[in-house]
N, C-alpha and C. Protein backbone atom coordinates (compact mmCIF):
# COMPACT_ATOMS: atom_id res chain seq x y z
N MET A 1 -48.71 31.72 -25.09
CA MET A 1 -49.78 32.07 -26.08
C MET A 1 -48.89 31.29 -27.75
N LYS A 2 -49.86 30.44 -28.01
CA LYS A 2 -49.50 29.77 -28.72
C LYS A 2 -50.08 31.13 -30.53
N PRO A 3 -48.68 30.34 -31.28
CA PRO A 3 -48.80 31.10 -32.57
C PRO A 3 -50.25 30.49 -33.28
N LYS A 4 -50.70 31.70 -33.92
CA LYS A 4 -51.69 30.83 -35.04
C LYS A 4 -51.36 30.71 -36.19
N GLY A 5 -51.87 30.29 -36.94
CA GLY A 5 -51.17 30.07 -38.33
C GLY A 5 -51.37 31.47 -39.18
N ASN A 6 -51.68 32.28 -39.33
CA ASN A 6 -52.08 33.71 -39.98
C ASN A 6 -51.17 34.44 -39.43
N ASP A 7 -49.75 33.86 -38.33
CA ASP A 7 -48.10 34.34 -37.85
C ASP A 7 -47.37 34.03 -39.34
N SER A 8 -47.62 32.97 -39.25
CA SER A 8 -46.35 32.66 -39.98
C SER A 8 -47.63 33.48 -42.33
N TRP A 9 -47.67 34.18 -42.55
CA TRP A 9 -48.27 34.54 -43.61
C TRP A 9 -47.91 36.06 -42.84
N PHE A 10 -47.94 36.16 -41.48
CA PHE A 10 -47.33 38.02 -41.76
C PHE A 10 -46.45 37.72 -41.78
N VAL A 11 -45.41 37.20 -41.28
CA VAL A 11 -43.89 36.67 -41.52
C VAL A 11 -43.50 37.25 -42.68
N MET A 12 -44.06 36.03 -43.92
CA MET A 12 -44.05 35.67 -45.36
C MET A 12 -44.22 37.39 -45.67
N TRP A 13 -45.27 37.74 -45.40
CA TRP A 13 -46.08 38.83 -45.76
C TRP A 13 -44.86 40.49 -45.90
N LEU A 14 -44.40 40.47 -44.83
CA LEU A 14 -43.07 41.26 -44.18
C LEU A 14 -41.76 41.48 -44.92
N ILE A 15 -41.35 39.83 -44.84
CA ILE A 15 -40.64 39.99 -45.84
C ILE A 15 -40.35 40.40 -46.82
N SER A 16 -41.47 39.84 -47.92
CA SER A 16 -41.47 40.16 -49.20
C SER A 16 -41.31 41.65 -49.33
N LEU A 17 -41.66 42.42 -48.50
CA LEU A 17 -42.45 44.42 -48.52
C LEU A 17 -40.41 44.37 -48.15
N LEU A 18 -39.53 43.61 -47.87
CA LEU A 18 -38.36 44.35 -47.59
C LEU A 18 -37.14 43.48 -48.52
N THR A 19 -38.43 42.39 -49.52
CA THR A 19 -37.23 42.12 -50.38
C THR A 19 -37.74 42.31 -51.59
N PRO A 20 -36.37 42.30 -52.75
CA PRO A 20 -37.16 42.60 -54.18
C PRO A 20 -38.47 41.40 -54.96
N SER A 21 -37.96 40.31 -54.30
CA SER A 21 -38.37 39.71 -55.22
C SER A 21 -38.76 38.23 -54.25
N ARG A 22 -39.92 37.43 -55.15
CA ARG A 22 -40.72 36.78 -54.25
C ARG A 22 -39.92 35.65 -53.81
N SER A 23 -39.06 35.14 -54.77
CA SER A 23 -38.31 34.36 -54.76
C SER A 23 -36.93 34.02 -53.91
N ALA A 24 -36.39 35.74 -53.15
CA ALA A 24 -35.97 35.78 -52.57
C ALA A 24 -36.64 35.99 -50.60
N SER A 25 -37.72 36.12 -51.27
CA SER A 25 -38.73 36.36 -49.90
C SER A 25 -38.92 34.79 -49.44
N PHE A 26 -38.74 33.83 -50.19
CA PHE A 26 -39.67 32.33 -50.26
C PHE A 26 -38.04 31.80 -49.29
N TRP A 27 -36.61 32.01 -50.00
CA TRP A 27 -35.68 31.65 -49.76
C TRP A 27 -35.01 31.98 -48.28
N ILE A 28 -35.29 33.15 -48.01
CA ILE A 28 -35.01 34.27 -46.37
C ILE A 28 -36.59 33.32 -45.94
N ALA A 29 -37.53 33.40 -46.02
CA ALA A 29 -37.96 32.23 -45.01
C ALA A 29 -37.62 30.96 -44.57
N ILE A 30 -37.47 30.58 -45.62
CA ILE A 30 -37.29 28.88 -45.47
C ILE A 30 -35.68 28.48 -44.62
N VAL A 31 -34.60 29.39 -44.59
CA VAL A 31 -33.05 29.60 -44.03
C VAL A 31 -33.47 30.08 -42.48
N MET A 32 -34.60 31.49 -42.73
CA MET A 32 -35.50 31.61 -40.91
C MET A 32 -36.20 30.37 -40.20
N THR A 33 -36.59 29.56 -40.94
CA THR A 33 -37.92 28.33 -40.40
C THR A 33 -36.15 27.56 -39.77
N GLY A 34 -35.24 27.45 -40.47
CA GLY A 34 -34.51 26.25 -40.92
C GLY A 34 -33.84 26.26 -39.41
N VAL A 35 -33.55 27.60 -39.69
CA VAL A 35 -32.78 27.59 -38.36
C VAL A 35 -33.25 28.18 -36.78
N LEU A 36 -34.66 28.48 -37.26
CA LEU A 36 -35.27 28.51 -35.95
C LEU A 36 -35.69 26.89 -34.97
N PHE A 37 -35.68 26.07 -36.31
CA PHE A 37 -36.59 25.20 -35.87
C PHE A 37 -35.38 23.77 -35.69
N GLY A 38 -33.70 24.25 -35.60
CA GLY A 38 -32.88 23.77 -34.91
C GLY A 38 -32.59 24.55 -33.93
N ILE A 39 -32.65 25.30 -33.28
CA ILE A 39 -33.02 25.72 -32.62
C ILE A 39 -33.68 25.57 -31.33
N ALA A 40 -34.79 25.24 -32.00
CA ALA A 40 -36.43 24.31 -30.93
C ALA A 40 -36.15 23.52 -30.35
N HIS A 41 -35.00 22.62 -31.45
CA HIS A 41 -35.05 20.96 -31.33
C HIS A 41 -33.75 21.07 -29.99
N LEU A 42 -32.85 22.15 -29.19
CA LEU A 42 -31.85 22.03 -28.20
C LEU A 42 -32.44 21.49 -26.90
N PRO A 43 -33.10 21.92 -27.20
CA PRO A 43 -34.05 22.76 -25.15
C PRO A 43 -34.56 20.90 -25.12
N GLY A 44 -34.65 19.89 -25.92
CA GLY A 44 -35.12 18.38 -25.24
C GLY A 44 -33.65 17.27 -25.79
N VAL A 45 -32.01 17.84 -26.46
CA VAL A 45 -31.21 17.18 -26.52
C VAL A 45 -30.34 17.71 -25.32
N ILE A 46 -30.60 19.11 -24.15
CA ILE A 46 -29.85 18.90 -23.74
C ILE A 46 -30.08 18.88 -22.49
N LYS A 47 -31.74 18.14 -22.73
CA LYS A 47 -32.54 17.41 -21.27
C LYS A 47 -31.79 16.11 -21.57
N LYS A 48 -31.58 15.41 -22.52
CA LYS A 48 -31.34 13.97 -22.18
C LYS A 48 -30.20 14.56 -21.50
N GLY A 49 -29.15 14.82 -21.63
CA GLY A 49 -28.26 14.53 -20.29
C GLY A 49 -26.76 15.80 -21.70
N TYR A 50 -26.32 16.08 -23.17
CA TYR A 50 -25.90 16.60 -23.29
C TYR A 50 -25.45 17.48 -23.46
N LYS A 51 -24.24 18.19 -23.15
CA LYS A 51 -23.18 19.34 -22.62
C LYS A 51 -23.71 20.18 -24.17
N ALA A 52 -24.40 21.92 -24.08
CA ALA A 52 -24.15 22.32 -25.15
C ALA A 52 -23.59 23.06 -25.27
N THR A 53 -22.63 22.62 -26.57
CA THR A 53 -21.69 22.64 -26.97
C THR A 53 -21.15 23.30 -28.16
N PRO A 54 -20.28 24.42 -28.67
CA PRO A 54 -20.91 25.11 -29.61
C PRO A 54 -20.93 23.58 -31.14
N MET A 55 -20.62 22.86 -30.91
CA MET A 55 -20.12 21.33 -31.93
C MET A 55 -22.14 20.90 -31.86
N LEU A 56 -22.25 20.75 -30.72
CA LEU A 56 -23.97 20.59 -30.51
C LEU A 56 -25.11 21.24 -30.88
N ILE A 57 -24.35 23.21 -30.67
CA ILE A 57 -25.85 23.66 -31.38
C ILE A 57 -25.23 23.56 -32.73
N GLY A 58 -24.21 23.41 -33.15
CA GLY A 58 -24.06 24.42 -35.03
C GLY A 58 -24.25 22.44 -35.24
N SER A 59 -24.18 21.34 -34.91
CA SER A 59 -25.27 20.77 -35.48
C SER A 59 -26.27 20.34 -36.15
N ALA A 60 -27.34 20.73 -34.24
CA ALA A 60 -28.36 20.87 -34.73
C ALA A 60 -29.20 21.82 -35.42
N VAL A 61 -28.37 22.44 -35.64
CA VAL A 61 -29.06 24.07 -36.67
C VAL A 61 -28.50 23.49 -38.40
N LEU A 62 -27.34 23.08 -38.06
CA LEU A 62 -26.59 22.51 -39.48
C LEU A 62 -27.97 21.63 -40.12
N GLY A 63 -27.93 20.18 -39.10
CA GLY A 63 -28.81 19.10 -39.20
C GLY A 63 -29.89 19.83 -39.39
N ASN A 64 -31.16 20.32 -38.85
CA ASN A 64 -32.34 21.16 -39.34
C ASN A 64 -32.74 21.29 -40.10
N LEU A 65 -31.57 22.40 -40.57
CA LEU A 65 -31.17 23.35 -42.21
C LEU A 65 -31.36 22.52 -43.22
N TRP A 66 -31.06 21.74 -43.75
CA TRP A 66 -30.57 20.61 -45.06
C TRP A 66 -32.18 19.77 -45.18
N VAL A 67 -32.35 19.33 -44.14
CA VAL A 67 -34.01 19.72 -43.90
C VAL A 67 -34.54 21.07 -44.83
N SER A 68 -34.33 21.34 -44.01
CA SER A 68 -35.88 22.70 -44.30
C SER A 68 -35.53 23.23 -45.60
N LEU A 69 -34.49 23.32 -45.85
CA LEU A 69 -33.16 23.86 -47.53
C LEU A 69 -34.66 22.94 -48.46
N PHE A 70 -33.99 21.80 -48.66
CA PHE A 70 -35.13 20.45 -49.06
C PHE A 70 -36.97 21.13 -49.36
N CYS A 71 -36.83 20.47 -47.82
CA CYS A 71 -38.49 19.82 -47.79
C CYS A 71 -38.91 21.37 -48.07
N GLY A 72 -38.56 22.83 -47.69
CA GLY A 72 -38.84 24.52 -47.61
C GLY A 72 -38.64 24.25 -49.74
N PHE A 73 -37.48 23.59 -50.27
CA PHE A 73 -37.91 23.82 -51.65
C PHE A 73 -39.16 23.33 -52.29
N LEU A 74 -39.28 21.95 -51.77
CA LEU A 74 -40.42 21.78 -52.77
C LEU A 74 -41.96 21.85 -52.51
N LEU A 75 -41.61 22.63 -50.52
CA LEU A 75 -42.96 23.07 -50.75
C LEU A 75 -43.21 23.88 -51.59
N TRP A 76 -41.95 24.77 -51.90
CA TRP A 76 -42.40 26.06 -52.70
C TRP A 76 -43.27 26.01 -53.91
N GLN A 77 -42.08 24.43 -54.65
CA GLN A 77 -42.54 24.29 -56.09
C GLN A 77 -43.71 23.51 -55.94
N TYR A 78 -43.77 22.78 -55.39
CA TYR A 78 -44.87 21.29 -55.75
C TYR A 78 -45.62 21.40 -54.97
N ARG A 79 -45.43 22.22 -53.35
CA ARG A 79 -46.72 21.49 -52.19
C ARG A 79 -46.40 21.58 -51.39
N LEU A 80 -47.45 20.98 -50.38
CA LEU A 80 -46.75 20.34 -49.30
C LEU A 80 -46.91 19.19 -49.45
N ILE A 81 -48.05 18.73 -50.64
CA ILE A 81 -47.86 16.86 -50.25
C ILE A 81 -46.53 16.69 -50.36
N ALA A 82 -45.72 16.91 -51.42
CA ALA A 82 -44.66 16.66 -51.97
C ALA A 82 -43.71 17.04 -50.56
N ALA A 83 -43.68 17.48 -49.73
CA ALA A 83 -42.75 18.10 -48.73
C ALA A 83 -42.97 17.47 -47.09
N ILE A 84 -44.55 16.78 -47.22
CA ILE A 84 -44.94 16.17 -46.72
C ILE A 84 -44.37 14.40 -47.03
N VAL A 85 -44.27 13.55 -48.22
CA VAL A 85 -43.67 13.11 -48.56
C VAL A 85 -42.19 12.48 -47.82
N VAL A 86 -42.01 13.55 -48.92
CA VAL A 86 -40.24 13.70 -48.56
C VAL A 86 -39.63 13.47 -47.04
N HIS A 87 -40.82 13.99 -45.96
CA HIS A 87 -39.85 13.88 -44.33
C HIS A 87 -40.50 12.96 -44.26
N MET A 88 -41.44 12.37 -45.00
CA MET A 88 -41.37 10.68 -44.00
C MET A 88 -40.30 9.81 -43.82
């Protein structure tokens, strides 16, 4: 089942109910997205023949996390076009 665009807004809304401030909600969502995005890259890397070591998993997650933090901050502060331009 393919996720819908509204699912991410639901998750953001749910996080906002659990956190005291809007900025905390954004940062939690940005970090969660970065970690999940890093984990999502693992099957492709493993399929290329790399062994799933703790170092590989850590570098995949942290490597994607810093990009997510930077692009997520730009998305939050300057909207979508800034995040797209930096990502390219």
